[in-house]
Amino acid sequence: MYRFLASTRWLGWLLLVCIFAAACVGLGRWQMNRLDEARTDNSRVEANYDAAPLSFAQARPYFQTLPEDKAWTPVTMSGTYLPEDTLIVRNRPNNGSPGYEVLVPFRTEQGTVVVIDRGWLPIGDDSAGRPDTVPAPPAGTVEITARLKIGEPAVTRSAPEGQIASVELPHVAELLGYPVAPGAYGVLASERPSVAVMPTALERPSVDTGNHLSYSLQWFAFGVLSFVGLGYAARQQARINREDAQEAAEAQAAGVEVIHSAYRAPRARPTRRRGDTPTDEELEDAYLDSFEDQANR
C-alpha cells in the first residue's frame, strides 16, 4: 500500500522535510543558547549589582582584565575627574529616546586613570548631532562608586570630533593620548561631593529572559509538524491509490473502461460493444445529428 514511498518523488519530499527539520532544530538550539546567556547575565546582575562595594585596591586587577562573572561589581575609589577630556558616546537610546552617554576620565589616588560613564543626555535642540549642554563633574577630590563593565568592541561607524561610536577602551586611550584602564570602565552609581546638574543615571539592567524559550519550542514544533504533514500526505496518497484500485477492479468486473485523471477522482465510462442494441438516448442523439446535417446543406 505504501510502496510508492520508495519512488523518487517521495524520497525527494522526505529529504526536503529532513533538511527543514534539521534547520528548525538548529534554530531551536540557538534560541536555547540565547536563553542560557540571558539567564547567566541575569544571575550576574542579581549577584553583583547590589553587592557591597569593593575598594579600588581590591578591584584593581579587574580594571586590567574583568572576569565575566564580576560584571556590575561596585567599586569605591577616590581621585579627580579630568573634565577637559570628556567624550560623548553617540547613538545611546534611553527608554526609546535617542541620546548620548557622557564619559569622563577619572584619575584615582593610586594614579590609574579609569573611564567613568556619568549617565545619559538627550539629543540637543540647539545644534544637530550634539547635546545642548554637558554637565560638569565635581571639581577637586571626589569619592565615587561605579559599577564595572567590560569595554565594548569596535564598530565601523564614524563620529565627529569629541565623540565616539563605542566604548572601546584602547580607542579611548588613543584619543586621549594617555593610558586608561584597558579591562573595564565604570558606570557611575554615586559621587561625593555631588553637583546640582547631573546626566540622567543609567537604568538597572533588565533581568527579563525574553521570549527565547517560546521561540525555541516553536522551532522544535515546526520540525515535528513537518514530519506529521509528510505522514498525512502519504496517508492521503495511500487512500487515493486504494480507491483507484478498488474502482478499477469494480469497473473490470462490470466490463467498463476506467479513465484516470491526474487532477480528479477516477471515473468510469461505458463502452459499446459491436452488436449491442443502441439505447434510446443514443438513437435520439443520432436523430438530432442527422437533422442538423440536413439543415446545414
C-alpha atoms as a PDB file:
ATOM      1  CA  MET A   1       0.000   0.000   0.000  1.00  0.00           C
ATOM      2  CA  TYR A   2       2.855   2.360   0.799  1.00  0.00           C
ATOM      3  CA  ARG A   3       5.290   1.114  -1.797  1.00  0.00           C
ATOM      4  CA  PHE A   4       5.015   4.478  -3.540  1.00  0.00           C
ATOM      5  CA  LEU A   5       7.147   5.947  -0.732  1.00  0.00           C
ATOM      6  CA  ALA A   6      10.181   4.356  -2.403  1.00  0.00           C
ATOM      7  CA  SER A   7       9.630   6.469  -5.525  1.00  0.00           C
ATOM      8  CA  THR A   8      11.994   9.300  -6.440  1.00  0.00           C
ATOM      9  CA  ARG A   9       9.273  11.874  -5.857  1.00  0.00           C
ATOM     10  CA  TRP A  10       8.503  10.804  -2.296  1.00  0.00           C
ATOM     11  CA  LEU A  11      12.151  10.285  -1.401  1.00  0.00           C
ATOM     12  CA  GLY A  12      12.741  13.850  -2.554  1.00  0.00           C
ATOM     13  CA  TRP A  13       9.943  15.097  -0.312  1.00  0.00           C
ATOM     14  CA  LEU A  14      11.416  13.155   2.615  1.00  0.00           C
ATOM     15  CA  LEU A  15      14.830  14.740   2.002  1.00  0.00           C
ATOM     16  CA  LEU A  16      13.342  18.246   1.950  1.00  0.00           C
ATOM     17  CA  VAL A  17      11.431  17.577   5.177  1.00  0.00           C
ATOM     18  CA  CYS A  18      14.614  16.290   6.856  1.00  0.00           C
ATOM     19  CA  ILE A  19      16.527  19.410   5.805  1.00  0.00           C
ATOM     20  CA  PHE A  20      13.722  21.661   7.046  1.00  0.00           C
ATOM     21  CA  ALA A  21      13.505  19.782  10.357  1.00  0.00           C
ATOM     22  CA  ALA A  22      17.279  19.991  10.834  1.00  0.00           C
ATOM     23  CA  ALA A  23      17.136  23.756  10.267  1.00  0.00           C
ATOM     24  CA  CYS A  24      14.308  24.028  12.830  1.00  0.00           C
ATOM     25  CA  VAL A  25      16.335  22.059  15.380  1.00  0.00           C
ATOM     26  CA  GLY A  26      19.342  24.309  14.777  1.00  0.00           C
ATOM     27  CA  LEU A  27      17.270  27.465  15.253  1.00  0.00           C
ATOM     28  CA  GLY A  28      15.650  25.991  18.355  1.00  0.00           C
ATOM     29  CA  ARG A  29      19.042  25.184  19.893  1.00  0.00           C
ATOM     30  CA  TRP A  30      20.246  28.694  19.023  1.00  0.00           C
ATOM     31  CA  GLN A  31      17.307  30.174  20.927  1.00  0.00           C
ATOM     32  CA  MET A  32      18.058  27.875  23.871  1.00  0.00           C
ATOM     33  CA  ASN A  33      21.676  29.081  23.866  1.00  0.00           C
ATOM     34  CA  ARG A  34      20.460  32.673  23.913  1.00  0.00           C
ATOM     35  CA  LEU A  35      18.190  31.789  26.820  1.00  0.00           C
ATOM     36  CA  ASP A  36      21.169  30.349  28.721  1.00  0.00           C
ATOM     37  CA  GLU A  37      23.172  33.513  28.020  1.00  0.00           C
ATOM     38  CA  ALA A  38      20.305  35.700  29.240  1.00  0.00           C
ATOM     39  CA  ARG A  39      19.986  33.664  32.431  1.00  0.00           C
ATOM     40  CA  THR A  40      23.741  33.903  33.018  1.00  0.00           C
ATOM     41  CA  ASP A  41      23.684  37.678  32.519  1.00  0.00           C
ATOM     42  CA  ASN A  42      20.706  37.980  34.868  1.00  0.00           C
ATOM     43  CA  SER A  43      22.467  35.979  37.546  1.00  0.00           C
ATOM     44  CA  ARG A  44      25.453  38.329  37.335  1.00  0.00           C
ATOM     45  CA  VAL A  45      23.224  41.357  37.749  1.00  0.00           C
ATOM     46  CA  GLU A  46      21.388  39.817  40.700  1.00  0.00           C
ATOM     47  CA  ALA A  47      24.619  38.699  42.373  1.00  0.00           C
ATOM     48  CA  ASN A  48      26.751  41.813  41.824  1.00  0.00           C
ATOM     49  CA  TYR A  49      24.636  44.895  41.192  1.00  0.00           C
ATOM     50  CA  ASP A  50      23.596  45.498  44.822  1.00  0.00           C
ATOM     51  CA  ALA A  51      26.640  43.905  46.429  1.00  0.00           C
ATOM     52  CA  ALA A  52      28.797  45.790  48.927  1.00  0.00           C
ATOM     53  CA  PRO A  53      31.347  47.934  47.049  1.00  0.00           C
ATOM     54  CA  LEU A  54      34.946  46.806  46.800  1.00  0.00           C
ATOM     55  CA  SER A  55      37.819  49.183  47.427  1.00  0.00           C
ATOM     56  CA  PHE A  56      39.970  50.194  44.477  1.00  0.00           C
ATOM     57  CA  ALA A  57      42.843  48.130  45.893  1.00  0.00           C
ATOM     58  CA  GLN A  58      40.622  45.031  45.892  1.00  0.00           C
ATOM     59  CA  ALA A  59      39.230  45.704  42.411  1.00  0.00           C
ATOM     60  CA  ARG A  60      42.441  46.912  40.785  1.00  0.00           C
ATOM     61  CA  PRO A  61      43.071  43.637  38.889  1.00  0.00           C
ATOM     62  CA  TYR A  62      39.552  43.865  37.422  1.00  0.00           C
ATOM     63  CA  PHE A  63      40.443  47.108  35.650  1.00  0.00           C
ATOM     64  CA  GLN A  64      43.128  45.202  33.744  1.00  0.00           C
ATOM     65  CA  THR A  65      41.018  42.140  32.929  1.00  0.00           C
ATOM     66  CA  LEU A  66      37.428  41.928  34.130  1.00  0.00           C
ATOM     67  CA  PRO A  67      36.119  38.343  34.532  1.00  0.00           C
ATOM     68  CA  GLU A  68      32.647  37.931  33.097  1.00  0.00           C
ATOM     69  CA  ASP A  69      31.227  36.826  36.446  1.00  0.00           C
ATOM     70  CA  LYS A  70      32.407  40.101  38.027  1.00  0.00           C
ATOM     71  CA  ALA A  71      30.473  42.401  35.703  1.00  0.00           C
ATOM     72  CA  TRP A  72      28.450  45.093  37.556  1.00  0.00           C
ATOM     73  CA  THR A  73      30.595  44.782  40.677  1.00  0.00           C
ATOM     74  CA  PRO A  74      30.532  48.131  42.582  1.00  0.00           C
ATOM     75  CA  VAL A  75      33.889  49.732  43.326  1.00  0.00           C
ATOM     76  CA  THR A  76      34.545  52.784  45.536  1.00  0.00           C
ATOM     77  CA  MET A  77      37.543  54.985  44.672  1.00  0.00           C
ATOM     78  CA  SER A  78      38.853  58.472  45.323  1.00  0.00           C
ATOM     79  CA  GLY A  79      40.529  60.820  42.879  1.00  0.00           C
ATOM     80  CA  THR A  80      39.843  63.663  40.478  1.00  0.00           C
ATOM     81  CA  TYR A  81      37.870  63.963  37.254  1.00  0.00           C
ATOM     82  CA  LEU A  82      39.575  65.159  34.063  1.00  0.00           C
ATOM     83  CA  PRO A  83      36.654  67.121  32.533  1.00  0.00           C
ATOM     84  CA  GLU A  84      38.747  68.621  29.729  1.00  0.00           C
ATOM     85  CA  ASP A  85      38.934  65.126  28.202  1.00  0.00           C
ATOM     86  CA  THR A  86      35.198  64.415  28.267  1.00  0.00           C
ATOM     87  CA  LEU A  87      33.947  62.210  25.435  1.00  0.00           C
ATOM     88  CA  ILE A  88      30.394  61.757  24.177  1.00  0.00           C
ATOM     89  CA  VAL A  89      29.170  58.319  23.080  1.00  0.00           C
ATOM     90  CA  ARG A  90      26.719  58.538  20.171  1.00  0.00           C
ATOM     91  CA  ASN A  91      23.527  56.594  19.473  1.00  0.00           C
ATOM     92  CA  ARG A  92      22.587  55.669  23.032  1.00  0.00           C
ATOM     93  CA  PRO A  93      18.793  55.367  23.353  1.00  0.00           C
ATOM     94  CA  ASN A  94      17.176  55.514  26.769  1.00  0.00           C
ATOM     95  CA  ASN A  95      13.543  54.393  27.206  1.00  0.00           C
ATOM     96  CA  GLY A  96      13.092  54.735  23.470  1.00  0.00           C
ATOM     97  CA  SER A  97      14.523  58.279  23.301  1.00  0.00           C
ATOM     98  CA  PRO A  98      17.697  58.957  21.292  1.00  0.00           C
ATOM     99  CA  GLY A  99      20.653  60.472  23.071  1.00  0.00           C
ATOM    100  CA  TYR A 100      24.230  60.182  24.281  1.00  0.00           C
ATOM    101  CA  GLU A 101      26.309  58.914  27.190  1.00  0.00           C
ATOM    102  CA  VAL A 102      28.974  61.018  28.869  1.00  0.00           C
ATOM    103  CA  LEU A 103      32.426  59.544  29.520  1.00  0.00           C
ATOM    104  CA  VAL A 104      34.834  61.387  31.814  1.00  0.00           C
ATOM    105  CA  PRO A 105      38.321  60.079  32.705  1.00  0.00           C
ATOM    106  CA  PHE A 106      38.896  59.732  36.460  1.00  0.00           C
ATOM    107  CA  ARG A 107      42.424  59.708  37.896  1.00  0.00           C
ATOM    108  CA  THR A 108      42.473  57.681  41.091  1.00  0.00           C
ATOM    109  CA  GLU A 109      44.680  58.487  44.063  1.00  0.00           C
ATOM    110  CA  GLN A 110      46.802  55.495  43.033  1.00  0.00           C
ATOM    111  CA  GLY A 111      47.471  57.153  39.647  1.00  0.00           C
ATOM    112  CA  THR A 112      45.373  54.837  37.462  1.00  0.00           C
ATOM    113  CA  VAL A 113      43.045  56.584  35.015  1.00  0.00           C
ATOM    114  CA  VAL A 114      39.622  54.922  34.851  1.00  0.00           C
ATOM    115  CA  VAL A 115      36.901  55.821  32.350  1.00  0.00           C
ATOM    116  CA  ILE A 116      33.609  56.690  34.085  1.00  0.00           C
ATOM    117  CA  ASP A 117      30.229  56.748  32.352  1.00  0.00           C
ATOM    118  CA  ARG A 118      28.396  59.524  34.219  1.00  0.00           C
ATOM    119  CA  GLY A 119      24.999  58.974  32.551  1.00  0.00           C
ATOM    120  CA  TRP A 120      22.722  59.813  29.649  1.00  0.00           C
ATOM    121  CA  LEU A 121      21.867  63.078  27.842  1.00  0.00           C
ATOM    122  CA  PRO A 122      19.082  63.690  25.304  1.00  0.00           C
ATOM    123  CA  ILE A 123      19.785  64.924  21.792  1.00  0.00           C
ATOM    124  CA  GLY A 124      20.194  68.687  21.585  1.00  0.00           C
ATOM    125  CA  ASP A 125      17.743  71.239  20.244  1.00  0.00           C
ATOM    126  CA  ASP A 126      20.308  73.969  19.530  1.00  0.00           C
ATOM    127  CA  SER A 127      22.711  72.027  17.317  1.00  0.00           C
ATOM    128  CA  ALA A 128      22.221  68.798  15.422  1.00  0.00           C
ATOM    129  CA  GLY A 129      24.261  65.777  16.487  1.00  0.00           C
ATOM    130  CA  ARG A 130      25.268  67.122  19.901  1.00  0.00           C
ATOM    131  CA  PRO A 131      23.737  67.520  23.361  1.00  0.00           C
ATOM    132  CA  ASP A 132      22.911  71.132  24.242  1.00  0.00           C
ATOM    133  CA  THR A 133      24.935  71.058  27.457  1.00  0.00           C
ATOM    134  CA  VAL A 134      27.209  68.568  29.179  1.00  0.00           C
ATOM    135  CA  PRO A 135      27.040  68.890  32.984  1.00  0.00           C
ATOM    136  CA  ALA A 136      30.473  69.298  34.538  1.00  0.00           C
ATOM    137  CA  PRO A 137      31.624  66.776  37.162  1.00  0.00           C
ATOM    138  CA  PRO A 138      32.613  67.877  40.675  1.00  0.00           C
ATOM    139  CA  ALA A 139      35.978  69.628  40.921  1.00  0.00           C
ATOM    140  CA  GLY A 140      38.748  68.592  43.259  1.00  0.00           C
ATOM    141  CA  THR A 141      38.992  65.314  45.098  1.00  0.00           C
ATOM    142  CA  VAL A 142      35.876  63.188  44.681  1.00  0.00           C
ATOM    143  CA  GLU A 143      34.831  59.843  46.103  1.00  0.00           C
ATOM    144  CA  ILE A 144      32.805  57.835  43.623  1.00  0.00           C
ATOM    145  CA  THR A 145      31.178  54.431  43.459  1.00  0.00           C
ATOM    146  CA  ALA A 146      30.925  52.885  39.991  1.00  0.00           C
ATOM    147  CA  ARG A 147      29.829  49.501  38.678  1.00  0.00           C
ATOM    148  CA  LEU A 148      32.270  47.740  36.387  1.00  0.00           C
ATOM    149  CA  LYS A 149      31.558  46.889  32.754  1.00  0.00           C
ATOM    150  CA  ILE A 150      33.716  45.227  30.120  1.00  0.00           C
ATOM    151  CA  GLY A 151      34.775  47.545  27.312  1.00  0.00           C
ATOM    152  CA  GLU A 152      32.777  47.357  24.110  1.00  0.00           C
ATOM    153  CA  PRO A 153      34.020  46.046  20.744  1.00  0.00           C
ATOM    154  CA  ALA A 154      34.988  48.343  17.920  1.00  0.00           C
ATOM    155  CA  VAL A 155      32.364  49.426  15.399  1.00  0.00           C
ATOM    156  CA  THR A 156      32.703  50.749  11.867  1.00  0.00           C
ATOM    157  CA  ARG A 157      30.559  53.848  12.437  1.00  0.00           C
ATOM    158  CA  SER A 158      32.354  57.172  12.428  1.00  0.00           C
ATOM    159  CA  ALA A 159      31.832  60.006  14.913  1.00  0.00           C
ATOM    160  CA  PRO A 160      32.515  63.758  14.983  1.00  0.00           C
ATOM    161  CA  GLU A 161      35.394  65.200  16.956  1.00  0.00           C
ATOM    162  CA  GLY A 162      34.892  64.757  20.689  1.00  0.00           C
ATOM    163  CA  GLN A 163      32.506  61.849  20.164  1.00  0.00           C
ATOM    164  CA  ILE A 164      32.908  58.101  19.837  1.00  0.00           C
ATOM    165  CA  ALA A 165      30.642  55.380  18.490  1.00  0.00           C
ATOM    166  CA  SER A 166      31.632  52.696  21.025  1.00  0.00           C
ATOM    167  CA  VAL A 167      33.237  52.483  24.468  1.00  0.00           C
ATOM    168  CA  GLU A 168      36.262  50.743  23.012  1.00  0.00           C
ATOM    169  CA  LEU A 169      38.847  51.403  25.731  1.00  0.00           C
ATOM    170  CA  PRO A 170      42.010  51.103  23.576  1.00  0.00           C
ATOM    171  CA  HIS A 171      40.466  53.611  21.147  1.00  0.00           C
ATOM    172  CA  VAL A 172      39.590  55.916  24.054  1.00  0.00           C
ATOM    173  CA  ALA A 173      43.212  55.811  25.241  1.00  0.00           C
ATOM    174  CA  GLU A 174      44.369  56.607  21.696  1.00  0.00           C
ATOM    175  CA  LEU A 175      42.077  59.638  21.521  1.00  0.00           C
ATOM    176  CA  LEU A 176      43.077  60.904  24.954  1.00  0.00           C
ATOM    177  CA  GLY A 177      46.793  60.436  24.385  1.00  0.00           C
ATOM    178  CA  TYR A 178      47.493  58.682  27.688  1.00  0.00           C
ATOM    179  CA  PRO A 179      46.837  55.203  29.141  1.00  0.00           C
ATOM    180  CA  VAL A 180      43.497  54.282  30.679  1.00  0.00           C
ATOM    181  CA  ALA A 181      42.471  51.079  32.427  1.00  0.00           C
ATOM    182  CA  PRO A 182      42.023  48.652  29.495  1.00  0.00           C
ATOM    183  CA  GLY A 183      39.921  45.895  31.063  1.00  0.00           C
ATOM    184  CA  ALA A 184      36.861  47.715  32.378  1.00  0.00           C
ATOM    185  CA  TYR A 185      35.170  51.051  32.810  1.00  0.00           C
ATOM    186  CA  GLY A 186      32.728  52.219  35.466  1.00  0.00           C
ATOM    187  CA  VAL A 187      29.059  53.202  35.324  1.00  0.00           C
ATOM    188  CA  LEU A 188      28.550  55.883  37.945  1.00  0.00           C
ATOM    189  CA  ALA A 189      26.376  54.918  40.907  1.00  0.00           C
ATOM    190  CA  SER A 190      27.164  57.831  43.251  1.00  0.00           C
ATOM    191  CA  GLU A 191      29.711  60.568  43.866  1.00  0.00           C
ATOM    192  CA  ARG A 192      30.601  62.820  46.801  1.00  0.00           C
ATOM    193  CA  PRO A 193      30.529  65.775  46.724  1.00  0.00           C
ATOM    194  CA  SER A 194      27.671  65.839  44.246  1.00  0.00           C
ATOM    195  CA  VAL A 195      26.704  68.541  41.742  1.00  0.00           C
ATOM    196  CA  ALA A 196      23.317  70.125  41.174  1.00  0.00           C
ATOM    197  CA  VAL A 197      23.032  69.200  37.489  1.00  0.00           C
ATOM    198  CA  MET A 198      23.753  65.615  36.517  1.00  0.00           C
ATOM    199  CA  PRO A 199      23.232  63.478  33.440  1.00  0.00           C
ATOM    200  CA  THR A 200      20.356  61.031  33.781  1.00  0.00           C
ATOM    201  CA  ALA A 201      21.515  57.940  35.641  1.00  0.00           C
ATOM    202  CA  LEU A 202      21.607  54.788  33.557  1.00  0.00           C
ATOM    203  CA  GLU A 203      18.900  52.286  34.404  1.00  0.00           C
ATOM    204  CA  ARG A 204      19.487  48.981  36.128  1.00  0.00           C
ATOM    205  CA  PRO A 205      19.948  46.207  33.552  1.00  0.00           C
ATOM    206  CA  SER A 206      16.799  44.223  32.853  1.00  0.00           C
ATOM    207  CA  VAL A 207      16.666  40.653  34.165  1.00  0.00           C
ATOM    208  CA  ASP A 208      13.983  39.571  31.714  1.00  0.00           C
ATOM    209  CA  THR A 209      14.882  36.413  29.780  1.00  0.00           C
ATOM    210  CA  GLY A 210      12.749  37.476  26.810  1.00  0.00           C
ATOM    211  CA  ASN A 211      10.885  35.096  24.520  1.00  0.00           C
ATOM    212  CA  HIS A 212      13.766  32.736  23.777  1.00  0.00           C
ATOM    213  CA  LEU A 213      12.082  29.709  25.394  1.00  0.00           C
ATOM    214  CA  SER A 214       8.809  30.104  23.484  1.00  0.00           C
ATOM    215  CA  TYR A 215      10.677  30.734  20.215  1.00  0.00           C
ATOM    216  CA  SER A 216      12.750  27.604  20.791  1.00  0.00           C
ATOM    217  CA  LEU A 217       9.672  25.449  21.432  1.00  0.00           C
ATOM    218  CA  GLN A 218       8.032  26.867  18.309  1.00  0.00           C
ATOM    219  CA  TRP A 219      11.007  25.890  16.129  1.00  0.00           C
ATOM    220  CA  PHE A 220      11.076  22.378  17.583  1.00  0.00           C
ATOM    221  CA  ALA A 221       7.320  22.093  16.980  1.00  0.00           C
ATOM    222  CA  PHE A 222       7.740  23.198  13.357  1.00  0.00           C
ATOM    223  CA  GLY A 223      10.318  20.438  12.853  1.00  0.00           C
ATOM    224  CA  VAL A 224       7.975  17.785  14.268  1.00  0.00           C
ATOM    225  CA  LEU A 225       4.982  19.101  12.306  1.00  0.00           C
ATOM    226  CA  SER A 226       6.905  18.817   9.043  1.00  0.00           C
ATOM    227  CA  PHE A 227       7.068  15.029   9.526  1.00  0.00           C
ATOM    228  CA  VAL A 228       3.433  14.957  10.626  1.00  0.00           C
ATOM    229  CA  GLY A 229       2.496  16.793   7.419  1.00  0.00           C
ATOM    230  CA  LEU A 230       4.517  14.372   5.303  1.00  0.00           C
ATOM    231  CA  GLY A 231       2.850  11.403   7.033  1.00  0.00           C
ATOM    232  CA  TYR A 232      -0.581  12.902   6.448  1.00  0.00           C
ATOM    233  CA  ALA A 233       0.189  13.437   2.757  1.00  0.00           C
ATOM    234  CA  ALA A 234       1.420   9.837   2.459  1.00  0.00           C
ATOM    235  CA  ARG A 235      -1.737   8.547   4.134  1.00  0.00           C
ATOM    236  CA  GLN A 236      -3.911  10.567   1.744  1.00  0.00           C
ATOM    237  CA  GLN A 237      -1.977   9.251  -1.244  1.00  0.00           C
ATOM    238  CA  ALA A 238      -2.385   5.680   0.033  1.00  0.00           C
ATOM    239  CA  ARG A 239      -6.143   6.232   0.379  1.00  0.00           C
ATOM    240  CA  ILE A 240      -6.373   7.597  -3.182  1.00  0.00           C
ATOM    241  CA  ASN A 241      -4.359   4.647  -4.506  1.00  0.00           C
ATOM    242  CA  ARG A 242      -6.618   2.208  -2.640  1.00  0.00           C
ATOM    243  CA  GLU A 243      -9.769   3.842  -4.024  1.00  0.00           C
ATOM    244  CA  ASP A 244      -8.315   3.815  -7.539  1.00  0.00           C
ATOM    245  CA  ALA A 245      -7.515   0.112  -7.279  1.00  0.00           C
ATOM    246  CA  GLN A 246     -10.992  -0.652  -5.918  1.00  0.00           C
ATOM    247  CA  GLU A 247     -12.737   1.299  -8.700  1.00  0.00           C
ATOM    248  CA  ALA A 248     -10.542  -0.342 -11.317  1.00  0.00           C
ATOM    249  CA  ALA A 249     -11.478  -3.780 -10.004  1.00  0.00           C
ATOM    250  CA  GLU A 250     -15.174  -2.905  -9.954  1.00  0.00           C
ATOM    251  CA  ALA A 251     -15.006  -1.474 -13.478  1.00  0.00           C
ATOM    252  CA  GLN A 252     -13.192  -4.529 -14.790  1.00  0.00           C
ATOM    253  CA  ALA A 253     -15.856  -6.754 -13.268  1.00  0.00           C
ATOM    254  CA  ALA A 254     -18.612  -4.622 -14.880  1.00  0.00           C
ATOM    255  CA  GLY A 255     -16.850  -4.586 -18.251  1.00  0.00           C
ATOM    256  CA  VAL A 256     -16.273  -0.832 -18.420  1.00  0.00           C
ATOM    257  CA  GLU A 257     -13.207   1.203 -19.272  1.00  0.00           C
ATOM    258  CA  VAL A 258     -11.724   3.261 -16.420  1.00  0.00           C
ATOM    259  CA  ILE A 259     -10.275   6.707 -17.239  1.00  0.00           C
ATOM    260  CA  HIS A 260      -7.842   8.071 -14.659  1.00  0.00           C
ATOM    261  CA  SER A 261      -7.120  11.798 -14.408  1.00  0.00           C
ATOM    262  CA  ALA A 262      -4.143  13.277 -12.609  1.00  0.00           C
ATOM    263  CA  TYR A 263      -6.318  16.030 -11.123  1.00  0.00           C
ATOM    264  CA  ARG A 264      -9.659  14.401 -10.322  1.00  0.00           C
ATOM    265  CA  ALA A 265     -11.041  11.156  -8.985  1.00  0.00           C
ATOM    266  CA  PRO A 266     -11.244   8.247 -11.425  1.00  0.00           C
ATOM    267  CA  ARG A 267     -14.475   7.945 -13.392  1.00  0.00           C
ATOM    268  CA  ALA A 268     -15.923   5.078 -15.432  1.00  0.00           C
ATOM    269  CA  ARG A 269     -17.275   5.441 -18.977  1.00  0.00           C
ATOM    270  CA  PRO A 270     -19.301   2.613 -20.521  1.00  0.00           C
ATOM    271  CA  THR A 271     -18.140   1.334 -23.907  1.00  0.00           C
ATOM    272  CA  ARG A 272     -20.365  -0.003 -26.664  1.00  0.00           C
ATOM    273  CA  ARG A 273     -19.620  -3.394 -27.967  1.00  0.00           C
ATOM    274  CA  ARG A 274     -20.251  -4.356 -31.564  1.00  0.00           C
ATOM    275  CA  GLY A 275     -23.713  -5.870 -31.905  1.00  0.00           C
ATOM    276  CA  ASP A 276     -25.152  -4.176 -28.811  1.00  0.00           C
ATOM    277  CA  THR A 277     -28.643  -2.653 -29.261  1.00  0.00           C
ATOM    278  CA  PRO A 278     -28.476   1.202 -29.199  1.00  0.00           C
ATOM    279  CA  THR A 279     -30.139   2.835 -26.231  1.00  0.00           C
ATOM    280  CA  ASP A 280     -32.952   5.384 -26.567  1.00  0.00           C
ATOM    281  CA  GLU A 281     -30.527   8.189 -25.718  1.00  0.00           C
ATOM    282  CA  GLU A 282     -28.119   7.096 -28.449  1.00  0.00           C
ATOM    283  CA  LEU A 283     -30.949   6.904 -31.002  1.00  0.00           C
ATOM    284  CA  GLU A 284     -32.110  10.387 -30.049  1.00  0.00           C
ATOM    285  CA  ASP A 285     -28.591  11.800 -30.402  1.00  0.00           C
ATOM    286  CA  ALA A 286     -28.200  10.176 -33.815  1.00  0.00           C
ATOM    287  CA  TYR A 287     -31.550  11.612 -34.998  1.00  0.00           C
ATOM    288  CA  LEU A 288     -30.573  15.138 -33.881  1.00  0.00           C
ATOM    289  CA  ASP A 289     -27.172  14.866 -35.546  1.00  0.00           C
ATOM    290  CA  SER A 290     -28.727  13.834 -38.897  1.00  0.00           C
ATOM    291  CA  PHE A 291     -31.309  16.634 -38.656  1.00  0.00           C
ATOM    292  CA  GLU A 292     -28.555  19.219 -38.151  1.00  0.00           C
ATOM    293  CA  ASP A 293     -26.609  17.819 -41.117  1.00  0.00           C
ATOM    294  CA  GLN A 294     -29.593  18.209 -43.413  1.00  0.00           C
ATOM    295  CA  ALA A 295     -30.266  21.760 -42.208  1.00  0.00           C
ATOM    296  CA  ASN A 296     -26.669  22.770 -42.927  1.00  0.00           C
ATOM    297  CA  ARG A 297     -26.738  21.515 -46.526  1.00  0.00           C
END
